[in-house]
C-alpha atoms as a PDB file:
ATOM      1  CA  UNK A   1     -34.600  39.055  69.606  1.00  0.00           C
ATOM      2  CA  UNK A   2     -35.291  37.017  66.468  1.00  0.00           C
ATOM      3  CA  UNK A   3     -31.930  37.741  64.748  1.00  0.00           C
ATOM      4  CA  UNK A   4     -30.199  36.341  67.828  1.00  0.00           C
ATOM      5  CA  UNK A   5     -32.482  33.355  68.337  1.00  0.00           C
ATOM      6  CA  UNK A   6     -32.727  32.207  64.726  1.00  0.00           C
ATOM      7  CA  UNK A   7     -29.054  31.193  64.608  1.00  0.00           C
ATOM      8  CA  UNK A   8     -29.489  28.351  67.118  1.00  0.00           C
ATOM      9  CA  UNK A   9     -30.527  24.741  66.543  1.00  0.00           C
ATOM     10  CA  UNK A  10     -32.715  24.749  69.676  1.00  0.00           C
ATOM     11  CA  UNK A  11     -34.177  27.574  71.757  1.00  0.00           C
ATOM     12  CA  UNK A  12     -35.557  26.958  75.247  1.00  0.00           C
ATOM     13  CA  UNK A  13     -37.393  29.259  77.656  1.00  0.00           C
ATOM     14  CA  UNK A  14     -39.413  29.290  80.868  1.00  0.00           C
ATOM     15  CA  UNK A  15     -43.170  29.710  80.263  1.00  0.00           C
ATOM     16  CA  UNK A  16     -44.160  31.439  83.491  1.00  0.00           C
ATOM     17  CA  UNK A  17     -47.870  32.028  83.032  1.00  0.00           C
ATOM     18  CA  UNK A  18     -50.878  29.989  81.993  1.00  0.00           C
ATOM     19  CA  UNK A  19     -53.404  30.364  79.203  1.00  0.00           C
ATOM     20  CA  UNK A  20     -57.190  30.472  79.481  1.00  0.00           C
ATOM     21  CA  UNK A  21     -59.299  28.764  76.828  1.00  0.00           C
ATOM     22  CA  UNK A  22     -62.345  31.001  77.229  1.00  0.00           C
ATOM     23  CA  UNK A  23     -63.638  31.700  80.714  1.00  0.00           C
ATOM     24  CA  UNK A  24     -61.211  34.328  81.895  1.00  0.00           C
ATOM     25  CA  UNK A  25     -61.249  36.303  85.081  1.00  0.00           C
ATOM     26  CA  UNK A  26     -58.400  38.654  85.853  1.00  0.00           C
ATOM     27  CA  UNK A  27     -57.232  37.972  89.391  1.00  0.00           C
ATOM     28  CA  UNK A  28     -54.650  40.161  91.085  1.00  0.00           C
ATOM     29  CA  UNK A  29     -51.289  38.448  91.388  1.00  0.00           C
ATOM     30  CA  UNK A  30     -52.082  35.719  88.875  1.00  0.00           C
ATOM     31  CA  UNK A  31     -50.518  35.439  85.459  1.00  0.00           C
ATOM     32  CA  UNK A  32     -53.387  34.268  83.255  1.00  0.00           C
ATOM     33  CA  UNK A  33     -53.650  35.171  79.552  1.00  0.00           C
ATOM     34  CA  UNK A  34     -56.543  34.430  77.169  1.00  0.00           C
ATOM     35  CA  UNK A  35     -55.704  32.327  74.106  1.00  0.00           C
ATOM     36  CA  UNK A  36     -56.409  35.174  71.707  1.00  0.00           C
ATOM     37  CA  UNK A  37     -53.681  37.274  73.334  1.00  0.00           C
ATOM     38  CA  UNK A  38     -51.086  34.523  73.004  1.00  0.00           C
ATOM     39  CA  UNK A  39     -50.812  34.390  69.220  1.00  0.00           C
ATOM     40  CA  UNK A  40     -47.514  36.279  69.180  1.00  0.00           C
ATOM     41  CA  UNK A  41     -45.858  33.309  70.899  1.00  0.00           C
ATOM     42  CA  UNK A  42     -45.724  31.803  67.410  1.00  0.00           C
ATOM     43  CA  UNK A  43     -43.201  34.494  66.479  1.00  0.00           C
ATOM     44  CA  UNK A  44     -41.183  34.517  69.701  1.00  0.00           C
ATOM     45  CA  UNK A  45     -38.291  32.502  68.309  1.00  0.00           C
ATOM     46  CA  UNK A  46     -38.580  30.073  71.230  1.00  0.00           C
ATOM     47  CA  UNK A  47     -39.661  26.530  70.430  1.00  0.00           C
ATOM     48  CA  UNK A  48     -39.269  24.595  73.710  1.00  0.00           C
ATOM     49  CA  UNK A  49     -40.729  25.610  77.063  1.00  0.00           C
ATOM     50  CA  UNK A  50     -40.327  24.467  80.640  1.00  0.00           C
ATOM     51  CA  UNK A  51     -43.653  24.615  82.501  1.00  0.00           C
ATOM     52  CA  UNK A  52     -42.117  23.785  85.889  1.00  0.00           C
ATOM     53  CA  UNK A  53     -42.693  27.069  87.702  1.00  0.00           C
ATOM     54  CA  UNK A  54     -44.936  28.680  90.312  1.00  0.00           C
ATOM     55  CA  UNK A  55     -47.399  30.325  87.884  1.00  0.00           C
ATOM     56  CA  UNK A  56     -48.351  27.582  85.413  1.00  0.00           C
ATOM     57  CA  UNK A  57     -51.151  26.556  87.821  1.00  0.00           C
ATOM     58  CA  UNK A  58     -52.542  30.086  88.298  1.00  0.00           C
ATOM     59  CA  UNK A  59     -55.779  29.033  86.558  1.00  0.00           C
ATOM     60  CA  UNK A  60     -55.780  25.571  88.084  1.00  0.00           C
ATOM     61  CA  UNK A  61     -55.944  22.302  86.187  1.00  0.00           C
ATOM     62  CA  UNK A  62     -58.021  23.950  83.480  1.00  0.00           C
ATOM     63  CA  UNK A  63     -55.323  26.536  82.852  1.00  0.00           C
ATOM     64  CA  UNK A  64     -52.615  23.887  82.623  1.00  0.00           C
ATOM     65  CA  UNK A  65     -54.715  21.877  80.183  1.00  0.00           C
ATOM     66  CA  UNK A  66     -55.481  24.976  78.088  1.00  0.00           C
ATOM     67  CA  UNK A  67     -51.805  25.930  78.035  1.00  0.00           C
ATOM     68  CA  UNK A  68     -50.688  22.461  77.004  1.00  0.00           C
ATOM     69  CA  UNK A  69     -53.340  22.312  74.266  1.00  0.00           C
ATOM     70  CA  UNK A  70     -52.327  25.701  72.843  1.00  0.00           C
ATOM     71  CA  UNK A  71     -48.637  24.868  72.848  1.00  0.00           C
ATOM     72  CA  UNK A  72     -49.181  21.436  71.339  1.00  0.00           C
ATOM     73  CA  UNK A  73     -51.521  22.727  68.608  1.00  0.00           C
ATOM     74  CA  UNK A  74     -48.995  25.390  67.612  1.00  0.00           C
ATOM     75  CA  UNK A  75     -45.985  23.117  67.350  1.00  0.00           C
ATOM     76  CA  UNK A  76     -44.240  23.932  70.623  1.00  0.00           C
ATOM     77  CA  UNK A  77     -42.571  21.276  72.785  1.00  0.00           C
ATOM     78  CA  UNK A  78     -42.768  21.436  76.579  1.00  0.00           C
ATOM     79  CA  UNK A  79     -41.958  19.583  79.792  1.00  0.00           C
ATOM     80  CA  UNK A  80     -42.055  19.956  83.584  1.00  0.00           C
ATOM     81  CA  UNK A  81     -45.826  19.825  84.228  1.00  0.00           C
ATOM     82  CA  UNK A  82     -48.639  17.486  83.354  1.00  0.00           C
ATOM     83  CA  UNK A  83     -51.937  15.819  84.155  1.00  0.00           C
ATOM     84  CA  UNK A  84     -50.284  13.664  86.827  1.00  0.00           C
ATOM     85  CA  UNK A  85     -46.885  13.098  88.425  1.00  0.00           C
ATOM     86  CA  UNK A  86     -45.675  10.671  85.779  1.00  0.00           C
ATOM     87  CA  UNK A  87     -46.417  13.110  82.962  1.00  0.00           C
ATOM     88  CA  UNK A  88     -44.945  16.065  84.862  1.00  0.00           C
ATOM     89  CA  UNK A  89     -41.676  14.219  85.444  1.00  0.00           C
ATOM     90  CA  UNK A  90     -41.476  12.670  81.979  1.00  0.00           C
ATOM     91  CA  UNK A  91     -38.423  13.912  80.074  1.00  0.00           C
ATOM     92  CA  UNK A  92     -38.821  15.655  76.748  1.00  0.00           C
ATOM     93  CA  UNK A  93     -36.578  13.770  74.303  1.00  0.00           C
ATOM     94  CA  UNK A  94     -35.461  15.463  71.099  1.00  0.00           C
ATOM     95  CA  UNK A  95     -32.957  14.487  68.445  1.00  0.00           C
ATOM     96  CA  UNK A  96     -30.679  17.222  67.124  1.00  0.00           C
ATOM     97  CA  UNK A  97     -27.876  16.521  64.647  1.00  0.00           C
ATOM     98  CA  UNK A  98     -28.026  12.835  65.481  1.00  0.00           C
ATOM     99  CA  UNK A  99     -27.797  13.301  69.255  1.00  0.00           C
ATOM    100  CA  UNK A 100     -30.592  12.565  71.703  1.00  0.00           C
ATOM    101  CA  UNK A 101     -31.236  15.392  74.186  1.00  0.00           C
ATOM    102  CA  UNK A 102     -33.355  14.970  77.320  1.00  0.00           C
ATOM    103  CA  UNK A 103     -34.953  17.964  79.047  1.00  0.00           C
ATOM    104  CA  UNK A 104     -36.091  17.661  82.676  1.00  0.00           C
ATOM    105  CA  UNK A 105     -37.904  20.326  84.705  1.00  0.00           C
ATOM    106  CA  UNK A 106     -38.623  20.790  88.419  1.00  0.00           C
ATOM    107  CA  UNK A 107     -39.855  23.563  90.715  1.00  0.00           C
ATOM    108  CA  UNK A 108     -40.017  24.053  94.479  1.00  0.00           C
ATOM    109  CA  UNK A 109     -43.558  25.535  94.602  1.00  0.00           C
ATOM    110  CA  UNK A 110     -44.981  22.684  96.680  1.00  0.00           C
ATOM    111  CA  UNK A 111     -48.575  23.931  96.529  1.00  0.00           C
ATOM    112  CA  UNK A 112     -48.656  22.921  92.871  1.00  0.00           C
ATOM    113  CA  UNK A 113     -46.852  19.578  92.950  1.00  0.00           C
ATOM    114  CA  UNK A 114     -48.450  16.937  90.771  1.00  0.00           C
ATOM    115  CA  UNK A 115     -49.243  13.551  92.269  1.00  0.00           C
ATOM    116  CA  UNK A 116     -50.609  10.262  90.971  1.00  0.00           C
ATOM    117  CA  UNK A 117     -54.076  11.674  90.401  1.00  0.00           C
ATOM    118  CA  UNK A 118     -53.573  15.468  90.418  1.00  0.00           C
ATOM    119  CA  UNK A 119     -52.254  17.766  87.675  1.00  0.00           C
ATOM    120  CA  UNK A 120     -49.338  19.996  88.497  1.00  0.00           C
ATOM    121  CA  UNK A 121     -45.621  20.572  88.271  1.00  0.00           C
ATOM    122  CA  UNK A 122     -42.672  18.253  88.711  1.00  0.00           C
ATOM    123  CA  UNK A 123     -41.482  18.548  92.325  1.00  0.00           C
ATOM    124  CA  UNK A 124     -38.031  19.760  93.245  1.00  0.00           C
ATOM    125  CA  UNK A 125     -37.075  16.864  95.481  1.00  0.00           C
ATOM    126  CA  UNK A 126     -33.467  15.725  95.428  1.00  0.00           C
ATOM    127  CA  UNK A 127     -34.138  11.984  95.536  1.00  0.00           C
ATOM    128  CA  UNK A 128     -36.609  12.190  92.659  1.00  0.00           C
ATOM    129  CA  UNK A 129     -34.318  14.433  90.595  1.00  0.00           C
ATOM    130  CA  UNK A 130     -31.411  12.053  91.120  1.00  0.00           C
ATOM    131  CA  UNK A 131     -33.463   9.132  89.825  1.00  0.00           C
ATOM    132  CA  UNK A 132     -34.736  11.166  86.888  1.00  0.00           C
ATOM    133  CA  UNK A 133     -31.265  12.270  85.789  1.00  0.00           C
ATOM    134  CA  UNK A 134     -29.850   8.745  86.052  1.00  0.00           C
ATOM    135  CA  UNK A 135     -32.765   7.348  84.011  1.00  0.00           C
ATOM    136  CA  UNK A 136     -32.511  10.101  81.374  1.00  0.00           C
ATOM    137  CA  UNK A 137     -28.768   9.577  80.982  1.00  0.00           C
ATOM    138  CA  UNK A 138     -29.450   5.959  80.011  1.00  0.00           C
ATOM    139  CA  UNK A 139     -31.544   6.990  76.997  1.00  0.00           C
ATOM    140  CA  UNK A 140     -30.004  10.311  75.945  1.00  0.00           C
ATOM    141  CA  UNK A 141     -26.608  11.669  74.963  1.00  0.00           C
ATOM    142  CA  UNK A 142     -27.247  15.049  76.602  1.00  0.00           C
ATOM    143  CA  UNK A 143     -29.301  15.726  79.752  1.00  0.00           C
ATOM    144  CA  UNK A 144     -30.414  19.296  80.466  1.00  0.00           C
ATOM    145  CA  UNK A 145     -32.114  20.068  83.786  1.00  0.00           C
ATOM    146  CA  UNK A 146     -34.205  23.233  84.179  1.00  0.00           C
ATOM    147  CA  UNK A 147     -34.905  24.251  87.795  1.00  0.00           C
ATOM    148  CA  UNK A 148     -37.177  26.967  89.195  1.00  0.00           C
ATOM    149  CA  UNK A 149     -36.315  27.586  92.828  1.00  0.00           C
ATOM    150  CA  UNK A 150     -34.886  29.653  95.679  1.00  0.00           C
ATOM    151  CA  UNK A 151     -35.678  33.115  97.043  1.00  0.00           C
ATOM    152  CA  UNK A 152     -36.464  36.073  94.810  1.00  0.00           C
ATOM    153  CA  UNK A 153     -34.186  39.092  94.221  1.00  0.00           C
ATOM    154  CA  UNK A 154     -31.044  37.537  95.712  1.00  0.00           C
ATOM    155  CA  UNK A 155     -27.658  37.854  94.017  1.00  0.00           C
ATOM    156  CA  UNK A 156     -26.252  34.450  94.975  1.00  0.00           C
ATOM    157  CA  UNK A 157     -27.656  30.907  94.921  1.00  0.00           C
ATOM    158  CA  UNK A 158     -28.450  29.167  98.179  1.00  0.00           C
ATOM    159  CA  UNK A 159     -25.813  26.599  99.204  1.00  0.00           C
ATOM    160  CA  UNK A 160     -28.393  23.786  98.965  1.00  0.00           C
ATOM    161  CA  UNK A 161     -29.015  24.740  95.335  1.00  0.00           C
ATOM    162  CA  UNK A 162     -25.295  24.764  94.571  1.00  0.00           C
ATOM    163  CA  UNK A 163     -24.882  21.308  96.097  1.00  0.00           C
ATOM    164  CA  UNK A 164     -27.905  19.954  94.229  1.00  0.00           C
ATOM    165  CA  UNK A 165     -26.771  21.386  90.879  1.00  0.00           C
ATOM    166  CA  UNK A 166     -23.281  19.953  91.233  1.00  0.00           C
ATOM    167  CA  UNK A 167     -24.607  16.561  92.227  1.00  0.00           C
ATOM    168  CA  UNK A 168     -26.839  16.432  89.142  1.00  0.00           C
ATOM    169  CA  UNK A 169     -23.763  17.167  86.993  1.00  0.00           C
ATOM    170  CA  UNK A 170     -21.880  14.380  88.840  1.00  0.00           C
ATOM    171  CA  UNK A 171     -24.716  11.986  87.949  1.00  0.00           C
ATOM    172  CA  UNK A 172     -24.629  12.766  84.241  1.00  0.00           C
ATOM    173  CA  UNK A 173     -26.441  16.049  83.580  1.00  0.00           C
ATOM    174  CA  UNK A 174     -24.683  18.215  81.011  1.00  0.00           C
ATOM    175  CA  UNK A 175     -26.295  21.493  82.081  1.00  0.00           C
ATOM    176  CA  UNK A 176     -28.382  22.717  85.005  1.00  0.00           C
ATOM    177  CA  UNK A 177     -30.138  25.974  84.057  1.00  0.00           C
ATOM    178  CA  UNK A 178     -32.148  27.888  86.643  1.00  0.00           C
ATOM    179  CA  UNK A 179     -34.516  30.800  87.221  1.00  0.00           C
ATOM    180  CA  UNK A 180     -37.032  32.316  89.644  1.00  0.00           C
ATOM    181  CA  UNK A 181     -34.911  34.939  91.484  1.00  0.00           C
ATOM    182  CA  UNK A 182     -35.844  37.560  88.795  1.00  0.00           C
ATOM    183  CA  UNK A 183     -32.212  38.742  88.754  1.00  0.00           C
ATOM    184  CA  UNK A 184     -29.099  37.408  87.049  1.00  0.00           C
ATOM    185  CA  UNK A 185     -26.830  35.182  89.120  1.00  0.00           C
ATOM    186  CA  UNK A 186     -23.458  33.644  88.304  1.00  0.00           C
ATOM    187  CA  UNK A 187     -22.407  30.904  85.907  1.00  0.00           C
ATOM    188  CA  UNK A 188     -20.277  27.955  86.969  1.00  0.00           C
ATOM    189  CA  UNK A 189     -18.208  25.574  84.873  1.00  0.00           C
ATOM    190  CA  UNK A 190     -18.322  22.486  87.093  1.00  0.00           C
ATOM    191  CA  UNK A 191     -16.280  19.482  85.960  1.00  0.00           C
ATOM    192  CA  UNK A 192     -17.534  18.822  82.399  1.00  0.00           C
ATOM    193  CA  UNK A 193     -20.879  20.540  82.952  1.00  0.00           C
ATOM    194  CA  UNK A 194     -22.387  24.004  83.061  1.00  0.00           C
ATOM    195  CA  UNK A 195     -24.521  25.533  85.815  1.00  0.00           C
ATOM    196  CA  UNK A 196     -26.433  28.791  85.339  1.00  0.00           C
ATOM    197  CA  UNK A 197     -27.895  29.827  88.679  1.00  0.00           C
ATOM    198  CA  UNK A 198     -30.399  32.397  87.362  1.00  0.00           C
ATOM    199  CA  UNK A 199     -30.909  33.970  83.944  1.00  0.00           C
ATOM    200  CA  UNK A 200     -33.051  36.837  85.281  1.00  0.00           C
ATOM    201  CA  UNK A 201     -36.243  38.135  83.695  1.00  0.00           C
ATOM    202  CA  UNK A 202     -36.917  37.928  79.961  1.00  0.00           C
ATOM    203  CA  UNK A 203     -40.359  39.138  78.840  1.00  0.00           C
ATOM    204  CA  UNK A 204     -41.614  40.731  82.033  1.00  0.00           C
ATOM    205  CA  UNK A 205     -43.360  43.985  83.026  1.00  0.00           C
ATOM    206  CA  UNK A 206     -40.693  45.570  85.234  1.00  0.00           C
ATOM    207  CA  UNK A 207     -41.393  49.264  84.663  1.00  0.00           C
ATOM    208  CA  UNK A 208     -44.525  50.312  86.517  1.00  0.00           C
ATOM    209  CA  UNK A 209     -44.528  47.084  88.538  1.00  0.00           C
ATOM    210  CA  UNK A 210     -43.744  48.221  92.076  1.00  0.00           C
ATOM    211  CA  UNK A 211     -42.902  44.689  93.180  1.00  0.00           C
ATOM    212  CA  UNK A 212     -40.192  44.437  90.498  1.00  0.00           C
ATOM    213  CA  UNK A 213     -39.151  48.016  89.775  1.00  0.00           C
ATOM    214  CA  UNK A 214     -37.905  48.829  93.269  1.00  0.00           C
ATOM    215  CA  UNK A 215     -35.545  45.834  93.242  1.00  0.00           C
ATOM    216  CA  UNK A 216     -32.050  46.256  91.772  1.00  0.00           C
ATOM    217  CA  UNK A 217     -31.183  44.087  88.780  1.00  0.00           C
ATOM    218  CA  UNK A 218     -34.706  43.184  87.652  1.00  0.00           C
ATOM    219  CA  UNK A 219     -34.192  44.942  84.312  1.00  0.00           C
ATOM    220  CA  UNK A 220     -31.054  42.873  83.639  1.00  0.00           C
ATOM    221  CA  UNK A 221     -31.427  39.785  81.514  1.00  0.00           C
ATOM    222  CA  UNK A 222     -29.323  37.241  79.706  1.00  0.00           C
ATOM    223  CA  UNK A 223     -29.535  35.038  76.652  1.00  0.00           C
ATOM    224  CA  UNK A 224     -27.289  32.091  77.417  1.00  0.00           C
ATOM    225  CA  UNK A 225     -25.901  30.802  74.128  1.00  0.00           C
ATOM    226  CA  UNK A 226     -24.353  27.356  74.451  1.00  0.00           C
ATOM    227  CA  UNK A 227     -22.472  25.301  71.878  1.00  0.00           C
ATOM    228  CA  UNK A 228     -22.029  21.579  72.548  1.00  0.00           C
ATOM    229  CA  UNK A 229     -19.091  19.909  70.785  1.00  0.00           C
ATOM    230  CA  UNK A 230     -19.636  16.161  71.007  1.00  0.00           C
ATOM    231  CA  UNK A 231     -16.993  13.581  70.143  1.00  0.00           C
ATOM    232  CA  UNK A 232     -18.039  10.112  71.261  1.00  0.00           C
ATOM    233  CA  UNK A 233     -18.657  10.286  74.999  1.00  0.00           C
ATOM    234  CA  UNK A 234     -16.717  13.545  75.296  1.00  0.00           C
ATOM    235  CA  UNK A 235     -18.823  16.726  75.452  1.00  0.00           C
ATOM    236  CA  UNK A 236     -17.175  20.137  75.361  1.00  0.00           C
ATOM    237  CA  UNK A 237     -19.293  23.136  76.323  1.00  0.00           C
ATOM    238  CA  UNK A 238     -18.714  26.630  74.985  1.00  0.00           C
ATOM    239  CA  UNK A 239     -20.895  29.312  76.544  1.00  0.00           C
ATOM    240  CA  UNK A 240     -21.526  32.850  75.432  1.00  0.00           C
ATOM    241  CA  UNK A 241     -23.742  34.868  77.790  1.00  0.00           C
ATOM    242  CA  UNK A 242     -25.349  37.689  75.800  1.00  0.00           C
ATOM    243  CA  UNK A 243     -26.423  40.610  78.023  1.00  0.00           C
ATOM    244  CA  UNK A 244     -29.957  41.917  77.533  1.00  0.00           C
ATOM    245  CA  UNK A 245     -32.019  44.588  79.232  1.00  0.00           C
ATOM    246  CA  UNK A 246     -35.774  44.741  79.784  1.00  0.00           C
ATOM    247  CA  UNK A 247     -37.159  47.869  78.098  1.00  0.00           C
ATOM    248  CA  UNK A 248     -40.067  50.034  79.252  1.00  0.00           C
ATOM    249  CA  UNK A 249     -42.535  47.725  77.465  1.00  0.00           C
ATOM    250  CA  UNK A 250     -41.270  44.686  79.346  1.00  0.00           C
ATOM    251  CA  UNK A 251     -39.413  43.278  76.325  1.00  0.00           C
ATOM    252  CA  UNK A 252     -35.798  42.050  76.159  1.00  0.00           C
ATOM    253  CA  UNK A 253     -33.417  43.943  73.868  1.00  0.00           C
ATOM    254  CA  UNK A 254     -29.668  43.506  73.309  1.00  0.00           C
ATOM    255  CA  UNK A 255     -27.426  45.872  75.260  1.00  0.00           C
ATOM    256  CA  UNK A 256     -25.224  48.376  73.467  1.00  0.00           C
ATOM    257  CA  UNK A 257     -21.458  47.835  73.555  1.00  0.00           C
ATOM    258  CA  UNK A 258     -20.816  49.963  76.651  1.00  0.00           C
ATOM    259  CA  UNK A 259     -23.625  48.450  78.702  1.00  0.00           C
ATOM    260  CA  UNK A 260     -22.730  44.937  77.533  1.00  0.00           C
ATOM    261  CA  UNK A 261     -19.169  45.402  78.774  1.00  0.00           C
ATOM    262  CA  UNK A 262     -20.410  46.581  82.165  1.00  0.00           C
ATOM    263  CA  UNK A 263     -22.879  43.715  82.446  1.00  0.00           C
ATOM    264  CA  UNK A 264     -20.292  41.112  81.424  1.00  0.00           C
ATOM    265  CA  UNK A 265     -17.961  42.470  84.094  1.00  0.00           C
ATOM    266  CA  UNK A 266     -20.737  42.200  86.700  1.00  0.00           C
ATOM    267  CA  UNK A 267     -21.535  38.636  85.589  1.00  0.00           C
ATOM    268  CA  UNK A 268     -17.879  37.655  85.836  1.00  0.00           C
ATOM    269  CA  UNK A 269     -17.776  38.994  89.394  1.00  0.00           C
ATOM    270  CA  UNK A 270     -20.974  37.124  90.374  1.00  0.00           C
ATOM    271  CA  UNK A 271     -19.630  33.939  88.809  1.00  0.00           C
ATOM    272  CA  UNK A 272     -16.362  34.210  90.725  1.00  0.00           C
ATOM    273  CA  UNK A 273     -18.235  34.809  93.961  1.00  0.00           C
ATOM    274  CA  UNK A 274     -20.119  31.507  93.662  1.00  0.00           C
ATOM    275  CA  UNK A 275     -16.822  29.713  94.314  1.00  0.00           C
ATOM    276  CA  UNK A 276     -16.364  31.435  97.697  1.00  0.00           C
ATOM    277  CA  UNK A 277     -18.438  29.461 100.246  1.00  0.00           C
ATOM    278  CA  UNK A 278     -18.100  32.016 103.043  1.00  0.00           C
ATOM    279  CA  UNK A 279     -19.403  34.821 100.835  1.00  0.00           C
ATOM    280  CA  UNK A 280     -22.299  32.689  99.599  1.00  0.00           C
ATOM    281  CA  UNK A 281     -23.180  31.738 103.193  1.00  0.00           C
ATOM    282  CA  UNK A 282     -23.215  35.372 104.287  1.00  0.00           C
ATOM    283  CA  UNK A 283     -25.420  36.304 101.355  1.00  0.00           C
ATOM    284  CA  UNK A 284     -27.752  33.413 102.112  1.00  0.00           C
ATOM    285  CA  UNK A 285     -28.023  34.296 105.789  1.00  0.00           C
ATOM    286  CA  UNK A 286     -28.870  37.907 104.928  1.00  0.00           C
ATOM    287  CA  UNK A 287     -31.565  36.868 102.439  1.00  0.00           C
ATOM    288  CA  UNK A 288     -33.043  34.359 104.908  1.00  0.00           C
ATOM    289  CA  UNK A 289     -33.260  37.065 107.586  1.00  0.00           C
ATOM    290  CA  UNK A 290     -35.057  39.294 105.110  1.00  0.00           C
ATOM    291  CA  UNK A 291     -37.464  36.482 104.223  1.00  0.00           C
ATOM    292  CA  UNK A 292     -38.169  35.818 107.915  1.00  0.00           C
ATOM    293  CA  UNK A 293     -38.914  39.497 108.478  1.00  0.00           C
ATOM    294  CA  UNK A 294     -41.257  39.553 105.486  1.00  0.00           C
ATOM    295  CA  UNK A 295     -43.074  36.435 106.715  1.00  0.00           C
ATOM    296  CA  UNK A 296     -43.438  37.866 110.234  1.00  0.00           C
ATOM    297  CA  UNK A 297     -44.781  41.168 108.913  1.00  0.00           C
ATOM    298  CA  UNK A 298     -47.292  39.339 106.724  1.00  0.00           C
ATOM    299  CA  UNK A 299     -48.731  37.552 109.754  1.00  0.00           C
ATOM    300  CA  UNK A 300     -48.600  40.749 111.826  1.00  0.00           C
ATOM    301  CA  UNK A 301     -50.522  42.819 109.268  1.00  0.00           C
ATOM    302  CA  UNK A 302     -53.113  40.077 108.823  1.00  0.00           C
ATOM    303  CA  UNK A 303     -53.728  40.132 112.563  1.00  0.00           C
ATOM    304  CA  UNK A 304     -53.786  43.943 112.571  1.00  0.00           C
ATOM    305  CA  UNK A 305     -56.559  43.766 109.959  1.00  0.00           C
ATOM    306  CA  UNK A 306     -58.316  41.265 112.230  1.00  0.00           C
ATOM    307  CA  UNK A 307     -57.952  38.699 109.463  1.00  0.00           C
ATOM    308  CA  UNK A 308     -57.429  35.654 111.648  1.00  0.00           C
ATOM    309  CA  UNK A 309     -58.012  33.303 108.729  1.00  0.00           C
ATOM    310  CA  UNK A 310     -55.343  35.013 106.643  1.00  0.00           C
ATOM    311  CA  UNK A 311     -52.841  34.917 109.493  1.00  0.00           C
ATOM    312  CA  UNK A 312     -53.610  31.241 110.095  1.00  0.00           C
ATOM    313  CA  UNK A 313     -53.140  30.446 106.404  1.00  0.00           C
ATOM    314  CA  UNK A 314     -49.754  32.198 106.367  1.00  0.00           C
ATOM    315  CA  UNK A 315     -48.600  30.361 109.479  1.00  0.00           C
ATOM    316  CA  UNK A 316     -49.752  27.067 108.013  1.00  0.00           C
ATOM    317  CA  UNK A 317     -47.761  27.764 104.842  1.00  0.00           C
ATOM    318  CA  UNK A 318     -44.649  28.512 106.853  1.00  0.00           C
ATOM    319  CA  UNK A 319     -44.954  25.238 108.754  1.00  0.00           C
ATOM    320  CA  UNK A 320     -46.004  22.901 105.953  1.00  0.00           C
ATOM    321  CA  UNK A 321     -44.308  24.023 102.731  1.00  0.00           C
ATOM    322  CA  UNK A 322     -40.804  22.615 102.043  1.00  0.00           C
ATOM    323  CA  UNK A 323     -39.667  25.760 100.202  1.00  0.00           C
ATOM    324  CA  UNK A 324     -40.196  27.673 103.455  1.00  0.00           C
ATOM    325  CA  UNK A 325     -38.353  25.032 105.438  1.00  0.00           C
ATOM    326  CA  UNK A 326     -35.337  25.674 103.207  1.00  0.00           C
ATOM    327  CA  UNK A 327     -34.943  29.338 104.071  1.00  0.00           C
ATOM    328  CA  UNK A 328     -35.712  28.560 107.713  1.00  0.00           C
ATOM    329  CA  UNK A 329     -32.890  26.023 107.626  1.00  0.00           C
ATOM    330  CA  UNK A 330     -30.693  28.673 106.035  1.00  0.00           C
ATOM    331  CA  UNK A 331     -31.554  31.077 108.831  1.00  0.00           C
ATOM    332  CA  UNK A 332     -30.934  28.555 111.628  1.00  0.00           C
ATOM    333  CA  UNK A 333     -27.691  27.300 110.071  1.00  0.00           C
ATOM    334  CA  UNK A 334     -26.204  30.749 109.561  1.00  0.00           C
ATOM    335  CA  UNK A 335     -26.587  30.508 105.804  1.00  0.00           C
ATOM    336  CA  UNK A 336     -25.125  27.041 105.325  1.00  0.00           C
ATOM    337  CA  UNK A 337     -28.314  25.634 103.750  1.00  0.00           C
END
């Protein structure tokens, strides 16, 4: 990837794991990496990371602190998580070619939200994001919002995420770039801004990972190359999505000409479909039904194992976590949320 990445002024990625500074215990389902296995990050070609995701807290506050220390000591810049809410929501401000750029991150994994005295991630709450974008626009020429949200393995964004993304552009954001579904979703040129609904996986063990491998599209990836032409208050965006595929080692590689043409055609179709509300609603309703079935089966199997505590914990999560309320609202509204 380096020949592609080295041509850009800034490179930004989602850092969806955490680092351990010594005491390391491999726990199933958690993405924790010891420091001494993270040295190759220095040669990744990526210099800025969003930490606003659902795995940065996999090793708790200690893991977040260890990750931040490693990144800081090795010259990386990051945003979207911190030792408290104020730090998690603080924008990263950089100057590039005389223009000030603000990066904001947020994620809907409510279990890991930071608060006034607790480390964690910046919460995906519309009112807070609105205030953050307005404040960032007052001190920066360009505002870029990175969101980590929605259901996994779905081909279209939820209507609530479309509405939120467009509103952030209305309020002054230049781009809203998103991930978490693990598959590529469409791009949208909205007014003077750009919305990318999901860039898919990048460095990720798909082959041999039953959770990923059995899902269509998880080996598809995208490098979104963006050129900003700035003349006074006028910003023109040129985008060039570069199709990638995840190889058997979990690494992104550029597609050959034939595959790139096929992937670009598929991306064009997905992008066009985002502008058809009825289609997006149907897709959302289908994915919400699937999520409800999965949640029900999780509780059922916990009870079948006579794991009353596990079943109770799952029910509590369904009733108390806002990210679950969203798909429930999508289910009850016929896909309109």
